[in-house]
Amino acid sequence: GEGSCVTRNGVMATLLAHSGLILGRRFVLLDRMVLPLPVSPRGRWGLLAIILAIFAVITGSRQSVIRAVIMLLAGKGAYLAHRRSDTLTNLTLAALVLLVFRPLDLFGAGFQLSFTAVLGIVLLERPIRRVLHTPEKWPGSAFSTTLAAQLGMLPAGAYWFGTVSIIAMLLNLVAIPLVGILIPVAALGTVLDAIWAPLGWLFVEAARGMVAVLLLMAKI
């Protein structure tokens, strides 16, 4: 479970929260790809749901991925139904759905840290950006998002670990952009490996190196 991925410095917990944001960006591209298909809006929603469900299964049905899938499909469904949708409501829905199947997760560190990190991003990222005047694009967006996630996790982190980690925020400023690079590099390496193994090997090894750096930071 994701509770085993939570470390004292909070790096992995924050990365789990950001994994949903990364999936959200991929969802935008996927939505544009299925838009030209000659199917009804409900049919496109169903197709997106099937693709995301397959992705969730392939990635091991991790809590963070399922949370992101539920939130994305809820937002898209509300849009197609011409209903108002907001991220906080979608986050609440994702929590309720997950707890229906695994209610005891509510009392686990992984669930609490992951969801409070996302809650921090939802509620605090924009105010932080306005106060600090950070740009919407990277690296300003990475800083404000990371800080919002860290502040959101602060109460749960203090409860579970008995301390507040200052170094975690600094580590996450490196870790989160690194994850954003890791995913496309790993995907490209997989594709290139089938076309020309030596070139694919370079990308795969680069991805492994990034994973090693992330695991090292999680242990600090």
C-alpha atoms as a PDB file:
ATOM      1  CA  GLY A   1       0.000   0.000   0.000  1.00  0.00           C
ATOM      2  CA  GLU A   2       0.954   3.633  -0.230  1.00  0.00           C
ATOM      3  CA  GLY A   3       1.403   3.855   3.476  1.00  0.00           C
ATOM      4  CA  SER A   4       4.676   1.986   3.025  1.00  0.00           C
ATOM      5  CA  CYS A   5       5.813   4.731   0.613  1.00  0.00           C
ATOM      6  CA  VAL A   6       5.533   7.470   3.209  1.00  0.00           C
ATOM      7  CA  THR A   7       8.872   8.580   4.580  1.00  0.00           C
ATOM      8  CA  ARG A   8       9.762  10.779   7.506  1.00  0.00           C
ATOM      9  CA  ASN A   9      10.795  13.720   5.348  1.00  0.00           C
ATOM     10  CA  GLY A  10       7.507  13.625   3.430  1.00  0.00           C
ATOM     11  CA  VAL A  11       9.127  13.459  -0.012  1.00  0.00           C
ATOM     12  CA  MET A  12       7.286  10.357  -1.192  1.00  0.00           C
ATOM     13  CA  ALA A  13       3.970  11.533   0.256  1.00  0.00           C
ATOM     14  CA  THR A  14       4.246  14.777  -1.695  1.00  0.00           C
ATOM     15  CA  LEU A  15       5.244  12.912  -4.844  1.00  0.00           C
ATOM     16  CA  LEU A  16       2.145  10.723  -4.483  1.00  0.00           C
ATOM     17  CA  ALA A  17       0.048  13.858  -4.358  1.00  0.00           C
ATOM     18  CA  HIS A  18       1.778  15.282  -7.424  1.00  0.00           C
ATOM     19  CA  SER A  19       1.372  12.024  -9.346  1.00  0.00           C
ATOM     20  CA  GLY A  20      -2.286  12.929  -9.661  1.00  0.00           C
ATOM     21  CA  LEU A  21      -1.382  16.334 -11.104  1.00  0.00           C
ATOM     22  CA  ILE A  22       0.906  14.659 -13.638  1.00  0.00           C
ATOM     23  CA  LEU A  23      -1.883  12.265 -14.632  1.00  0.00           C
ATOM     24  CA  GLY A  24      -4.175  15.284 -14.982  1.00  0.00           C
ATOM     25  CA  ARG A  25      -1.855  16.830 -17.563  1.00  0.00           C
ATOM     26  CA  ARG A  26      -1.769  13.546 -19.507  1.00  0.00           C
ATOM     27  CA  PHE A  27      -5.573  13.428 -19.297  1.00  0.00           C
ATOM     28  CA  VAL A  28      -5.833  16.760 -21.124  1.00  0.00           C
ATOM     29  CA  LEU A  29      -3.792  15.337 -24.014  1.00  0.00           C
ATOM     30  CA  LEU A  30      -5.816  12.122 -24.017  1.00  0.00           C
ATOM     31  CA  ASP A  31      -9.075  14.060 -24.046  1.00  0.00           C
ATOM     32  CA  ARG A  32      -7.921  16.001 -27.100  1.00  0.00           C
ATOM     33  CA  MET A  33      -6.957  12.758 -28.839  1.00  0.00           C
ATOM     34  CA  VAL A  34     -10.408  11.173 -28.441  1.00  0.00           C
ATOM     35  CA  LEU A  35     -12.274  14.416 -29.257  1.00  0.00           C
ATOM     36  CA  PRO A  36     -12.266  13.866 -33.067  1.00  0.00           C
ATOM     37  CA  LEU A  37     -13.685  10.335 -32.744  1.00  0.00           C
ATOM     38  CA  PRO A  38     -17.197   9.927 -34.210  1.00  0.00           C
ATOM     39  CA  VAL A  39     -18.860   9.094 -30.893  1.00  0.00           C
ATOM     40  CA  SER A  40     -21.240  10.929 -28.570  1.00  0.00           C
ATOM     41  CA  PRO A  41     -19.910  12.940 -25.597  1.00  0.00           C
ATOM     42  CA  ARG A  42     -21.062  10.149 -23.284  1.00  0.00           C
ATOM     43  CA  GLY A  43     -19.261   7.671 -25.493  1.00  0.00           C
ATOM     44  CA  ARG A  44     -16.045   9.696 -25.230  1.00  0.00           C
ATOM     45  CA  TRP A  45     -16.449   9.815 -21.447  1.00  0.00           C
ATOM     46  CA  GLY A  46     -16.876   6.034 -21.395  1.00  0.00           C
ATOM     47  CA  LEU A  47     -13.806   5.573 -23.578  1.00  0.00           C
ATOM     48  CA  LEU A  48     -11.765   7.832 -21.307  1.00  0.00           C
ATOM     49  CA  ALA A  49     -13.025   5.888 -18.287  1.00  0.00           C
ATOM     50  CA  ILE A  50     -11.943   2.579 -19.837  1.00  0.00           C
ATOM     51  CA  ILE A  51      -8.483   3.905 -20.761  1.00  0.00           C
ATOM     52  CA  LEU A  52      -7.937   5.397 -17.292  1.00  0.00           C
ATOM     53  CA  ALA A  53      -9.185   2.213 -15.604  1.00  0.00           C
ATOM     54  CA  ILE A  54      -6.701   0.165 -17.633  1.00  0.00           C
ATOM     55  CA  PHE A  55      -3.947   2.622 -16.715  1.00  0.00           C
ATOM     56  CA  ALA A  56      -4.864   2.343 -13.031  1.00  0.00           C
ATOM     57  CA  VAL A  57      -4.678  -1.456 -13.175  1.00  0.00           C
ATOM     58  CA  ILE A  58      -1.360  -1.414 -15.046  1.00  0.00           C
ATOM     59  CA  THR A  59       0.164   0.924 -12.450  1.00  0.00           C
ATOM     60  CA  GLY A  60      -0.889  -1.367  -9.617  1.00  0.00           C
ATOM     61  CA  SER A  61      -4.157   0.365  -8.649  1.00  0.00           C
ATOM     62  CA  ARG A  62      -2.300   2.764  -6.398  1.00  0.00           C
ATOM     63  CA  GLN A  63      -4.415   4.978  -4.184  1.00  0.00           C
ATOM     64  CA  SER A  64      -3.000   8.170  -5.691  1.00  0.00           C
ATOM     65  CA  VAL A  65      -3.780   7.018  -9.241  1.00  0.00           C
ATOM     66  CA  ILE A  66      -7.328   5.900  -8.379  1.00  0.00           C
ATOM     67  CA  ARG A  67      -7.903   9.227  -6.630  1.00  0.00           C
ATOM     68  CA  ALA A  68      -6.769  11.122  -9.717  1.00  0.00           C
ATOM     69  CA  VAL A  69      -8.876   8.947 -12.051  1.00  0.00           C
ATOM     70  CA  ILE A  70     -12.031   9.535  -9.994  1.00  0.00           C
ATOM     71  CA  MET A  71     -11.417  13.281  -9.832  1.00  0.00           C
ATOM     72  CA  LEU A  72     -10.736  13.562 -13.564  1.00  0.00           C
ATOM     73  CA  LEU A  73     -13.768  11.531 -14.594  1.00  0.00           C
ATOM     74  CA  ALA A  74     -16.002  13.425 -12.151  1.00  0.00           C
ATOM     75  CA  GLY A  75     -14.852  16.759 -13.559  1.00  0.00           C
ATOM     76  CA  LYS A  76     -15.287  15.611 -17.154  1.00  0.00           C
ATOM     77  CA  GLY A  77     -18.696  14.114 -16.377  1.00  0.00           C
ATOM     78  CA  ALA A  78     -19.885  17.345 -14.793  1.00  0.00           C
ATOM     79  CA  TYR A  79     -18.698  19.303 -17.824  1.00  0.00           C
ATOM     80  CA  LEU A  80     -20.578  17.015 -20.222  1.00  0.00           C
ATOM     81  CA  ALA A  81     -23.707  17.267 -18.072  1.00  0.00           C
ATOM     82  CA  HIS A  82     -23.396  21.070 -18.032  1.00  0.00           C
ATOM     83  CA  ARG A  83     -23.039  21.024 -14.267  1.00  0.00           C
ATOM     84  CA  ARG A  84     -20.678  23.052 -12.138  1.00  0.00           C
ATOM     85  CA  SER A  85     -17.638  21.145 -10.891  1.00  0.00           C
ATOM     86  CA  ASP A  86     -14.830  22.104  -8.545  1.00  0.00           C
ATOM     87  CA  THR A  87     -11.680  20.347  -7.489  1.00  0.00           C
ATOM     88  CA  LEU A  88     -12.569  20.252  -3.800  1.00  0.00           C
ATOM     89  CA  THR A  89     -15.845  18.441  -4.490  1.00  0.00           C
ATOM     90  CA  ASN A  90     -14.089  15.969  -6.782  1.00  0.00           C
ATOM     91  CA  LEU A  91     -11.432  15.344  -4.127  1.00  0.00           C
ATOM     92  CA  THR A  92     -14.157  14.661  -1.552  1.00  0.00           C
ATOM     93  CA  LEU A  93     -15.872  12.254  -3.936  1.00  0.00           C
ATOM     94  CA  ALA A  94     -12.589  10.408  -4.525  1.00  0.00           C
ATOM     95  CA  ALA A  95     -12.034  10.059  -0.773  1.00  0.00           C
ATOM     96  CA  LEU A  96     -15.560   8.730  -0.216  1.00  0.00           C
ATOM     97  CA  VAL A  97     -15.282   6.183  -3.030  1.00  0.00           C
ATOM     98  CA  LEU A  98     -11.932   4.910  -1.762  1.00  0.00           C
ATOM     99  CA  LEU A  99     -13.187   4.688   1.816  1.00  0.00           C
ATOM    100  CA  VAL A 100     -16.267   2.714   0.767  1.00  0.00           C
ATOM    101  CA  PHE A 101     -13.978  -0.110  -0.348  1.00  0.00           C
ATOM    102  CA  ARG A 102     -11.229   0.377   2.244  1.00  0.00           C
ATOM    103  CA  PRO A 103     -12.645   2.309   5.205  1.00  0.00           C
ATOM    104  CA  LEU A 104      -9.687   1.638   7.488  1.00  0.00           C
ATOM    105  CA  ASP A 105      -7.428   3.616   5.138  1.00  0.00           C
ATOM    106  CA  LEU A 106      -8.863   6.736   6.776  1.00  0.00           C
ATOM    107  CA  PHE A 107      -6.677   6.031   9.806  1.00  0.00           C
ATOM    108  CA  GLY A 108      -3.507   5.335   7.797  1.00  0.00           C
ATOM    109  CA  ALA A 109      -0.588   7.680   7.253  1.00  0.00           C
ATOM    110  CA  GLY A 110      -0.576   7.190   3.485  1.00  0.00           C
ATOM    111  CA  PHE A 111      -4.211   8.218   3.027  1.00  0.00           C
ATOM    112  CA  GLN A 112      -4.017  11.176   5.377  1.00  0.00           C
ATOM    113  CA  LEU A 113      -0.752  12.588   4.042  1.00  0.00           C
ATOM    114  CA  SER A 114      -1.675  12.074   0.395  1.00  0.00           C
ATOM    115  CA  PHE A 115      -5.120  13.647   0.639  1.00  0.00           C
ATOM    116  CA  THR A 116      -4.049  16.528   2.875  1.00  0.00           C
ATOM    117  CA  ALA A 117      -1.249  17.289   0.428  1.00  0.00           C
ATOM    118  CA  VAL A 118      -3.755  17.524  -2.423  1.00  0.00           C
ATOM    119  CA  LEU A 119      -6.093  19.549  -0.202  1.00  0.00           C
ATOM    120  CA  GLY A 120      -3.238  21.940   0.495  1.00  0.00           C
ATOM    121  CA  ILE A 121      -2.618  22.342  -3.227  1.00  0.00           C
ATOM    122  CA  VAL A 122      -6.311  22.981  -3.908  1.00  0.00           C
ATOM    123  CA  LEU A 123      -6.770  25.543  -1.136  1.00  0.00           C
ATOM    124  CA  LEU A 124      -3.363  27.193  -0.777  1.00  0.00           C
ATOM    125  CA  GLU A 125      -1.537  27.136  -4.108  1.00  0.00           C
ATOM    126  CA  ARG A 126      -3.188  30.210  -5.609  1.00  0.00           C
ATOM    127  CA  PRO A 127      -2.987  32.335  -2.426  1.00  0.00           C
ATOM    128  CA  ILE A 128       0.695  31.434  -2.077  1.00  0.00           C
ATOM    129  CA  ARG A 129       1.326  32.380  -5.687  1.00  0.00           C
ATOM    130  CA  ARG A 130      -0.397  35.742  -5.191  1.00  0.00           C
ATOM    131  CA  VAL A 131       1.413  36.517  -1.941  1.00  0.00           C
ATOM    132  CA  LEU A 132       4.868  35.494  -3.191  1.00  0.00           C
ATOM    133  CA  HIS A 133       4.257  36.736  -6.755  1.00  0.00           C
ATOM    134  CA  THR A 134       5.571  33.483  -8.213  1.00  0.00           C
ATOM    135  CA  PRO A 135       4.971  32.913 -11.941  1.00  0.00           C
ATOM    136  CA  GLU A 136       2.413  30.348 -13.092  1.00  0.00           C
ATOM    137  CA  LYS A 137       5.030  28.516 -15.137  1.00  0.00           C
ATOM    138  CA  TRP A 138       7.924  26.376 -13.873  1.00  0.00           C
ATOM    139  CA  PRO A 139       9.898  26.886 -11.646  1.00  0.00           C
ATOM    140  CA  GLY A 140       7.549  29.291  -9.884  1.00  0.00           C
ATOM    141  CA  SER A 141       4.602  26.917 -10.168  1.00  0.00           C
ATOM    142  CA  ALA A 142       6.684  24.033  -8.777  1.00  0.00           C
ATOM    143  CA  PHE A 143       7.659  26.103  -5.754  1.00  0.00           C
ATOM    144  CA  SER A 144       4.141  27.331  -4.933  1.00  0.00           C
ATOM    145  CA  THR A 145       2.595  23.893  -5.472  1.00  0.00           C
ATOM    146  CA  THR A 146       5.223  22.176  -3.356  1.00  0.00           C
ATOM    147  CA  LEU A 147       4.872  24.709  -0.560  1.00  0.00           C
ATOM    148  CA  ALA A 148       1.068  24.349  -0.628  1.00  0.00           C
ATOM    149  CA  ALA A 149       1.324  20.554  -0.421  1.00  0.00           C
ATOM    150  CA  GLN A 150       3.804  20.764   2.443  1.00  0.00           C
ATOM    151  CA  LEU A 151       1.584  23.134   4.411  1.00  0.00           C
ATOM    152  CA  GLY A 152      -1.401  20.899   3.782  1.00  0.00           C
ATOM    153  CA  MET A 153       0.469  17.879   5.149  1.00  0.00           C
ATOM    154  CA  LEU A 154       1.841  19.765   8.144  1.00  0.00           C
ATOM    155  CA  PRO A 155      -0.737  18.649  10.764  1.00  0.00           C
ATOM    156  CA  ALA A 156      -0.822  15.007   9.654  1.00  0.00           C
ATOM    157  CA  GLY A 157       2.963  14.896   9.298  1.00  0.00           C
ATOM    158  CA  ALA A 158       3.483  16.308  12.783  1.00  0.00           C
ATOM    159  CA  TYR A 159       1.052  13.729  14.169  1.00  0.00           C
ATOM    160  CA  TRP A 160       2.589  10.696  12.458  1.00  0.00           C
ATOM    161  CA  PHE A 161       6.263  11.612  12.688  1.00  0.00           C
ATOM    162  CA  GLY A 162       6.303  13.867  15.727  1.00  0.00           C
ATOM    163  CA  THR A 163       8.280  16.474  13.829  1.00  0.00           C
ATOM    164  CA  VAL A 164       8.031  19.073  11.086  1.00  0.00           C
ATOM    165  CA  SER A 165      10.609  18.587   8.336  1.00  0.00           C
ATOM    166  CA  ILE A 166      12.117  21.756   6.872  1.00  0.00           C
ATOM    167  CA  ILE A 167      14.410  19.880   4.517  1.00  0.00           C
ATOM    168  CA  ALA A 168      11.462  18.115   2.883  1.00  0.00           C
ATOM    169  CA  MET A 169      10.338  21.255   1.061  1.00  0.00           C
ATOM    170  CA  LEU A 170      13.822  21.843  -0.296  1.00  0.00           C
ATOM    171  CA  LEU A 171      14.083  18.224  -1.432  1.00  0.00           C
ATOM    172  CA  ASN A 172      10.674  18.357  -3.073  1.00  0.00           C
ATOM    173  CA  LEU A 173      11.710  21.387  -5.124  1.00  0.00           C
ATOM    174  CA  VAL A 174      14.104  18.990  -6.856  1.00  0.00           C
ATOM    175  CA  ALA A 175      12.055  15.793  -6.612  1.00  0.00           C
ATOM    176  CA  ILE A 176       8.815  17.065  -8.155  1.00  0.00           C
ATOM    177  CA  PRO A 177      10.321  18.516 -11.370  1.00  0.00           C
ATOM    178  CA  LEU A 178      12.436  15.371 -11.593  1.00  0.00           C
ATOM    179  CA  VAL A 179       9.299  13.207 -11.612  1.00  0.00           C
ATOM    180  CA  GLY A 180       7.900  15.378 -14.389  1.00  0.00           C
ATOM    181  CA  ILE A 181      10.999  14.527 -16.458  1.00  0.00           C
ATOM    182  CA  LEU A 182      11.171  10.889 -15.349  1.00  0.00           C
ATOM    183  CA  ILE A 183       7.774   9.821 -16.703  1.00  0.00           C
ATOM    184  CA  PRO A 184       8.251  10.928 -20.350  1.00  0.00           C
ATOM    185  CA  VAL A 185      11.869   9.717 -20.364  1.00  0.00           C
ATOM    186  CA  ALA A 186      10.800   6.265 -19.138  1.00  0.00           C
ATOM    187  CA  ALA A 187       7.940   6.121 -21.642  1.00  0.00           C
ATOM    188  CA  LEU A 188      10.205   7.204 -24.502  1.00  0.00           C
ATOM    189  CA  GLY A 189      12.803   4.641 -23.453  1.00  0.00           C
ATOM    190  CA  THR A 190      10.209   1.867 -23.587  1.00  0.00           C
ATOM    191  CA  VAL A 191       9.141   2.870 -27.105  1.00  0.00           C
ATOM    192  CA  LEU A 192      12.693   3.332 -28.413  1.00  0.00           C
ATOM    193  CA  ASP A 193      13.749  -0.002 -26.938  1.00  0.00           C
ATOM    194  CA  ALA A 194      11.363  -1.714 -29.350  1.00  0.00           C
ATOM    195  CA  ILE A 195      12.732   0.308 -32.295  1.00  0.00           C
ATOM    196  CA  TRP A 196      16.470   0.450 -31.557  1.00  0.00           C
ATOM    197  CA  ALA A 197      17.588  -1.197 -28.335  1.00  0.00           C
ATOM    198  CA  PRO A 198      20.844   0.787 -27.762  1.00  0.00           C
ATOM    199  CA  LEU A 199      19.050   4.142 -27.873  1.00  0.00           C
ATOM    200  CA  GLY A 200      16.205   2.809 -25.744  1.00  0.00           C
ATOM    201  CA  TRP A 201      18.739   1.522 -23.221  1.00  0.00           C
ATOM    202  CA  LEU A 202      20.156   5.046 -22.751  1.00  0.00           C
ATOM    203  CA  PHE A 203      16.736   6.465 -21.894  1.00  0.00           C
ATOM    204  CA  VAL A 204      15.872   3.546 -19.621  1.00  0.00           C
ATOM    205  CA  GLU A 205      19.160   3.920 -17.734  1.00  0.00           C
ATOM    206  CA  ALA A 206      18.550   7.654 -17.401  1.00  0.00           C
ATOM    207  CA  ALA A 207      15.133   6.882 -15.908  1.00  0.00           C
ATOM    208  CA  ARG A 208      16.689   4.395 -13.496  1.00  0.00           C
ATOM    209  CA  GLY A 209      19.187   7.017 -12.412  1.00  0.00           C
ATOM    210  CA  MET A 210      16.374   9.468 -11.661  1.00  0.00           C
ATOM    211  CA  VAL A 211      14.537   6.808  -9.651  1.00  0.00           C
ATOM    212  CA  ALA A 212      17.717   6.160  -7.665  1.00  0.00           C
ATOM    213  CA  VAL A 213      18.032   9.881  -6.886  1.00  0.00           C
ATOM    214  CA  LEU A 214      14.395  10.023  -5.744  1.00  0.00           C
ATOM    215  CA  LEU A 215      14.825   7.004  -3.478  1.00  0.00           C
ATOM    216  CA  LEU A 216      17.995   8.525  -2.024  1.00  0.00           C
ATOM    217  CA  MET A 217      16.184  11.782  -1.240  1.00  0.00           C
ATOM    218  CA  ALA A 218      13.345   9.840   0.383  1.00  0.00           C
ATOM    219  CA  LYS A 219      15.848   8.314   2.818  1.00  0.00           C
ATOM    220  CA  ILE A 220      17.472  11.591   3.859  1.00  0.00           C
END
